Amino acid sequence: MTDPVAAHYGADAGLASRIAERLRAAGKDLSTLTTRDLAAVDEFHTRGRPATLELAERMRIGPGHRVLDIGSGLGGPARSVAEAYECAVTGLDLNAEFCRTAAELSAWVGLDGRVTFRCGDATQLPFDAAAFDAAMTLHAAMNIPAKDAVYAEARRVLKPGGVLAIYDVLQGKGGPALFPVPWAREPEASHLATPSEMRELLTAAGFAIEDEADSSMESLRWFEAAVARMASAGLPAVSLQAVLGDDFLLMARTVTRNLADDRIRTVTYICRA
């Protein structure tokens, strides 16, 4: 039986080439690319690069720190954080093609010496205990039913006092999420926790929750604006359509409705090991 999460994201060996073609169509020169040029396709979460940098600022990281990005996708957050804070970031993702593409995109922007990617399971991290100063995970746990294992493993690989920063989509009070959405075309691939469940999971894993912030209204406004732009002007050459396919606009519209109905929420957590 095909895993619904793996089927959703696929394993397209031509992903990097497709992104390169779209960048050239947008007038970009691959030899002079910046991380901002890639943000429309590699910051695979609500509110994109600004949300990444907001989260990173609250992590209090800096030069010399080792940071783990759990569920790193195409590597956008890892690159943004490594560039902004001059730290070393390791990205981990279950999708091997995402890891290969992330490494190639990092070379395009000259960050391959500071950012590395490894294919692996977030519930069984392939790293030694206390290997990282900080860890982050952005819009990844929605696809993982065993969240207790994810957070327990994050606690294991963090140094004492290390920070775990989470930015995720959670279950709201307005009823089950509607599909398709960017992380799942069918309910079988979606595993949303409620805010109260998240607090229990993080505390049970050995974390002290220092801050919890709900950004659902900001997310709704962001998606409303994005859908309006795409509806009037069409999808830009460089967008998540390159990764998710031709139904990306439908996914964006569905997320907008889910947020408006309080079927989903976007929430961040800053936790201390």
Protein backbone atom coordinates (compact mmCIF):
# COMPACT_ATOMS: atom_id res chain seq x y z
CA MET A 1 0.00 0.00 0.00
CA THR A 2 1.33 3.45 -0.90
CA ASP A 3 1.96 5.76 2.05
CA PRO A 4 -0.46 8.72 1.66
CA VAL A 5 2.15 11.28 2.77
CA ALA A 6 4.79 9.95 0.39
CA ALA A 7 2.22 9.88 -2.41
CA HIS A 8 1.23 13.48 -1.71
CA TYR A 9 4.74 14.89 -1.99
CA GLY A 10 5.97 12.45 -4.61
CA ALA A 11 9.55 11.66 -5.60
CA ASP A 12 10.05 13.65 -8.80
CA ALA A 13 13.72 13.36 -9.79
CA GLY A 14 13.38 16.44 -11.99
CA LEU A 15 12.33 18.87 -9.26
CA ALA A 16 15.53 20.95 -9.20
CA SER A 17 15.50 21.24 -12.98
CA ARG A 18 11.86 22.32 -12.95
CA ILE A 19 12.60 25.00 -10.36
CA ALA A 20 15.58 26.19 -12.40
CA GLU A 21 13.41 26.51 -15.50
CA ARG A 22 10.85 28.57 -13.62
CA LEU A 23 13.53 30.83 -12.17
CA ARG A 24 14.91 31.50 -15.65
CA ALA A 25 11.37 32.19 -16.89
CA ALA A 26 11.11 34.82 -14.15
CA GLY A 27 14.31 36.44 -15.44
CA LYS A 28 16.64 35.10 -12.77
CA ASP A 29 20.28 34.20 -13.40
CA LEU A 30 21.19 31.04 -11.48
CA SER A 31 24.75 32.28 -11.01
CA THR A 32 23.56 35.33 -9.02
CA LEU A 33 20.61 33.89 -7.10
CA THR A 34 19.86 34.90 -3.52
CA THR A 35 17.84 33.14 -0.85
CA ARG A 36 15.09 35.72 -1.42
CA ASP A 37 14.82 34.60 -5.06
CA LEU A 38 14.02 31.08 -3.86
CA ALA A 39 11.61 32.03 -1.08
CA ALA A 40 8.45 31.67 -3.20
CA VAL A 41 9.17 27.97 -3.74
CA ASP A 42 11.33 26.80 -0.83
CA GLU A 43 9.68 28.49 2.19
CA PHE A 44 7.03 25.79 2.33
CA HIS A 45 4.77 27.23 5.05
CA THR A 46 2.25 29.95 5.80
CA ARG A 47 3.62 33.52 5.51
CA GLY A 48 6.86 32.17 4.05
CA ARG A 49 10.25 33.74 4.73
CA PRO A 50 9.02 36.44 7.14
CA ALA A 51 7.53 33.76 9.38
CA THR A 52 10.84 31.86 9.31
CA LEU A 53 12.83 34.89 10.39
CA GLU A 54 10.29 35.80 13.09
CA LEU A 55 10.63 32.31 14.55
CA ALA A 56 14.43 32.34 14.30
CA GLU A 57 14.66 35.67 16.12
CA ARG A 58 12.91 34.14 19.09
CA MET A 59 15.34 31.19 19.15
CA ARG A 60 18.30 33.37 20.19
CA ILE A 61 20.82 31.61 18.01
CA GLY A 62 24.07 32.95 16.62
CA PRO A 63 27.45 32.17 15.04
CA GLY A 64 28.84 28.79 16.02
CA HIS A 65 25.51 27.31 16.99
CA ARG A 66 24.33 24.01 15.52
CA VAL A 67 20.67 24.03 14.52
CA LEU A 68 18.46 21.14 13.40
CA ASP A 69 15.51 21.70 11.03
CA ILE A 70 13.09 18.77 11.40
CA GLY A 71 11.03 18.29 8.24
CA SER A 72 13.26 20.61 6.21
CA GLY A 73 11.55 20.17 2.83
CA LEU A 74 13.40 22.09 0.12
CA GLY A 75 15.60 23.80 2.70
CA GLY A 76 14.28 27.36 2.62
CA PRO A 77 14.10 27.90 6.40
CA ALA A 78 17.47 26.20 6.93
CA ARG A 79 19.12 28.51 4.40
CA SER A 80 17.39 31.62 5.73
CA VAL A 81 18.49 30.89 9.30
CA ALA A 82 22.05 29.92 8.35
CA GLU A 83 22.42 33.11 6.32
CA ALA A 84 20.87 35.45 8.86
CA TYR A 85 22.61 34.07 11.96
CA GLU A 86 25.85 32.64 10.53
CA CYS A 87 25.18 29.28 12.13
CA ALA A 88 25.38 25.70 10.86
CA VAL A 89 22.02 24.14 10.02
CA THR A 90 21.26 20.47 9.40
CA GLY A 91 18.00 19.74 7.65
CA LEU A 92 16.26 16.38 7.97
CA ASP A 93 13.42 15.20 5.75
CA LEU A 94 11.83 11.85 4.93
CA ASN A 95 11.64 12.68 1.22
CA ALA A 96 14.98 11.84 -0.40
CA GLU A 97 14.28 13.96 -3.49
CA PHE A 98 13.53 16.98 -1.32
CA CYS A 99 16.91 16.48 0.38
CA ARG A 100 18.74 16.22 -2.96
CA THR A 101 16.95 19.29 -4.29
CA ALA A 102 17.60 21.23 -1.08
CA ALA A 103 21.32 20.52 -1.38
CA GLU A 104 21.34 21.70 -5.00
CA LEU A 105 19.45 24.89 -4.19
CA SER A 106 21.90 25.58 -1.36
CA ALA A 107 24.80 25.35 -3.82
CA TRP A 108 23.04 27.83 -6.12
CA VAL A 109 23.09 30.48 -3.38
CA GLY A 110 26.53 29.61 -1.97
CA LEU A 111 25.32 28.15 1.32
CA ASP A 112 26.29 24.51 0.76
CA GLY A 113 29.17 24.93 3.22
CA ARG A 114 26.86 26.04 6.01
CA VAL A 115 23.73 23.96 5.38
CA THR A 116 23.54 20.17 4.98
CA PHE A 117 20.60 17.84 4.45
CA ARG A 118 19.98 14.29 5.51
CA CYS A 119 17.19 11.89 4.63
CA GLY A 120 15.67 10.38 7.73
CA ASP A 121 12.70 9.81 10.02
CA ALA A 122 11.71 12.56 12.47
CA THR A 123 10.54 9.90 14.94
CA GLN A 124 14.00 8.23 14.93
CA LEU A 125 16.53 11.01 14.46
CA PRO A 126 19.90 9.76 13.17
CA PHE A 127 21.93 12.03 15.48
CA ASP A 128 23.74 11.66 18.79
CA ALA A 129 22.26 12.92 22.02
CA ALA A 130 22.92 16.59 22.83
CA ALA A 131 24.22 17.23 19.29
CA PHE A 132 22.39 20.53 18.68
CA ASP A 133 22.03 23.90 20.36
CA ALA A 134 18.59 24.48 18.85
CA ALA A 135 15.97 22.76 16.74
CA MET A 136 13.06 24.04 14.70
CA THR A 137 10.18 22.51 12.80
CA LEU A 138 7.90 24.47 10.49
CA HIS A 139 4.69 22.98 9.10
CA ALA A 140 5.96 19.40 9.32
CA ALA A 141 4.20 17.59 12.16
CA MET A 142 0.82 17.87 10.39
CA ASN A 143 1.92 14.84 8.37
CA ILE A 144 3.19 12.83 11.37
CA PRO A 145 0.82 10.85 13.62
CA ALA A 146 3.51 9.93 16.18
CA LYS A 147 4.15 13.45 17.42
CA ASP A 148 5.16 12.16 20.85
CA ALA A 149 8.15 10.43 19.24
CA VAL A 150 9.07 13.55 17.25
CA TYR A 151 9.24 15.76 20.33
CA ALA A 152 10.94 13.11 22.46
CA GLU A 153 13.63 12.75 19.79
CA ALA A 154 14.01 16.52 19.52
CA ARG A 155 14.57 16.65 23.29
CA ARG A 156 17.16 13.86 23.07
CA VAL A 157 19.33 15.55 20.43
CA LEU A 158 19.23 18.99 22.08
CA LYS A 159 21.83 20.12 24.58
CA PRO A 160 20.54 20.89 28.07
CA GLY A 161 18.89 24.29 27.88
CA GLY A 162 18.55 24.06 24.11
CA VAL A 163 15.53 25.58 22.38
CA LEU A 164 12.88 23.92 20.24
CA ALA A 165 10.88 26.30 18.04
CA ILE A 166 7.68 25.02 16.43
CA TYR A 167 5.48 26.69 13.83
CA ASP A 168 2.65 24.38 12.88
CA VAL A 169 -0.90 24.01 11.66
CA LEU A 170 -3.21 22.80 14.43
CA GLN A 171 -6.80 21.62 14.65
CA GLY A 172 -9.31 24.42 15.27
CA LYS A 173 -12.74 24.29 16.88
CA GLY A 174 -14.73 24.74 13.66
CA GLY A 175 -14.76 21.10 12.57
CA PRO A 176 -12.51 18.81 10.54
CA ALA A 177 -10.23 20.38 7.95
CA LEU A 178 -11.39 20.46 4.34
CA PHE A 179 -9.16 19.10 1.56
CA PRO A 180 -7.05 19.43 -0.54
CA VAL A 181 -4.50 21.53 1.36
CA PRO A 182 -0.75 21.96 0.72
CA TRP A 183 0.21 19.18 3.16
CA ALA A 184 -2.48 16.65 2.16
CA ARG A 185 -4.94 15.97 -0.62
CA GLU A 186 -6.86 13.48 1.52
CA PRO A 187 -7.55 13.22 5.29
CA GLU A 188 -5.37 10.10 5.55
CA ALA A 189 -2.20 12.22 5.14
CA SER A 190 -3.20 14.87 7.68
CA HIS A 191 -2.63 14.51 11.43
CA LEU A 192 -3.53 17.71 13.26
CA ALA A 193 -3.15 18.15 17.01
CA THR A 194 -5.17 20.63 19.05
CA PRO A 195 -3.39 23.34 21.07
CA SER A 196 -4.14 21.52 24.32
CA GLU A 197 -2.75 18.27 22.89
CA MET A 198 0.40 20.12 21.82
CA ARG A 199 0.99 21.43 25.33
CA GLU A 200 0.60 17.92 26.74
CA LEU A 201 2.92 16.42 24.12
CA LEU A 202 5.67 18.99 24.66
CA THR A 203 5.51 18.80 28.44
CA ALA A 204 5.58 14.99 28.36
CA ALA A 205 8.68 15.11 26.13
CA GLY A 206 10.53 17.13 28.78
CA PHE A 207 10.13 20.67 27.44
CA ALA A 208 9.18 23.81 29.30
CA ILE A 209 6.93 25.93 27.09
CA GLU A 210 8.23 29.50 27.29
CA ASP A 211 5.84 31.04 24.77
CA GLU A 212 2.79 30.10 22.70
CA ALA A 213 1.50 32.48 20.02
CA ASP A 214 -1.50 32.09 17.71
CA SER A 215 -1.07 33.74 14.31
CA SER A 216 -4.24 32.45 12.67
CA MET A 217 -5.64 35.88 11.78
CA GLU A 218 -2.34 36.93 10.17
CA SER A 219 -2.33 33.64 8.27
CA LEU A 220 -5.88 34.18 7.05
CA ARG A 221 -5.06 37.66 5.75
CA TRP A 222 -1.91 36.33 4.07
CA PHE A 223 -3.78 33.55 2.28
CA GLU A 224 -6.64 35.86 1.29
CA ALA A 225 -4.16 38.25 -0.32
CA ALA A 226 -2.25 35.43 -2.03
CA VAL A 227 -5.42 33.87 -3.46
CA ALA A 228 -6.63 37.26 -4.71
CA ARG A 229 -3.32 37.87 -6.49
CA MET A 230 -3.33 34.44 -8.11
CA ALA A 231 -6.97 34.74 -9.14
CA SER A 232 -6.41 38.08 -10.87
CA ALA A 233 -2.92 37.69 -12.30
CA GLY A 234 -2.40 33.93 -12.40
CA LEU A 235 0.29 31.96 -10.65
CA PRO A 236 3.77 33.49 -10.86
CA ALA A 237 6.51 31.56 -12.65
CA VAL A 238 8.14 30.75 -9.31
CA SER A 239 5.63 29.34 -6.85
CA LEU A 240 4.75 26.21 -4.90
CA GLN A 241 2.95 24.97 -8.00
CA ALA A 242 6.37 23.68 -9.07
CA VAL A 243 6.28 21.32 -6.08
CA LEU A 244 2.59 20.64 -5.48
CA GLY A 245 1.21 20.62 -9.01
CA ASP A 246 -1.63 22.30 -10.85
CA ASP A 247 -4.09 22.13 -7.95
CA PHE A 248 -2.01 24.48 -5.79
CA LEU A 249 -4.48 27.36 -6.23
CA LEU A 250 -7.33 25.09 -5.08
CA MET A 251 -5.22 24.10 -2.06
CA ALA A 252 -4.63 27.76 -1.19
CA ARG A 253 -8.35 28.50 -1.45
CA THR A 254 -9.15 25.54 0.79
CA VAL A 255 -6.65 26.68 3.44
CA THR A 256 -8.25 30.12 3.36
CA ARG A 257 -11.67 28.62 4.05
CA ASN A 258 -10.27 26.37 6.77
CA LEU A 259 -8.75 29.38 8.53
CA ALA A 260 -11.89 31.48 8.12
CA ASP A 261 -14.01 28.65 9.58
CA ASP A 262 -11.56 28.02 12.45
CA ARG A 263 -11.06 24.49 11.17
CA ILE A 264 -7.30 25.04 11.40
CA ARG A 265 -5.03 27.41 13.31
CA THR A 266 -1.39 28.44 12.97
CA VAL A 267 0.50 28.45 16.28
CA THR A 268 4.12 28.83 17.35
CA TYR A 269 5.80 27.42 20.44
CA ILE A 270 9.16 28.29 21.97
CA CYS A 271 10.26 25.48 24.27
CA ARG A 272 13.31 24.92 26.45
CA ALA A 273 14.91 21.53 27.01
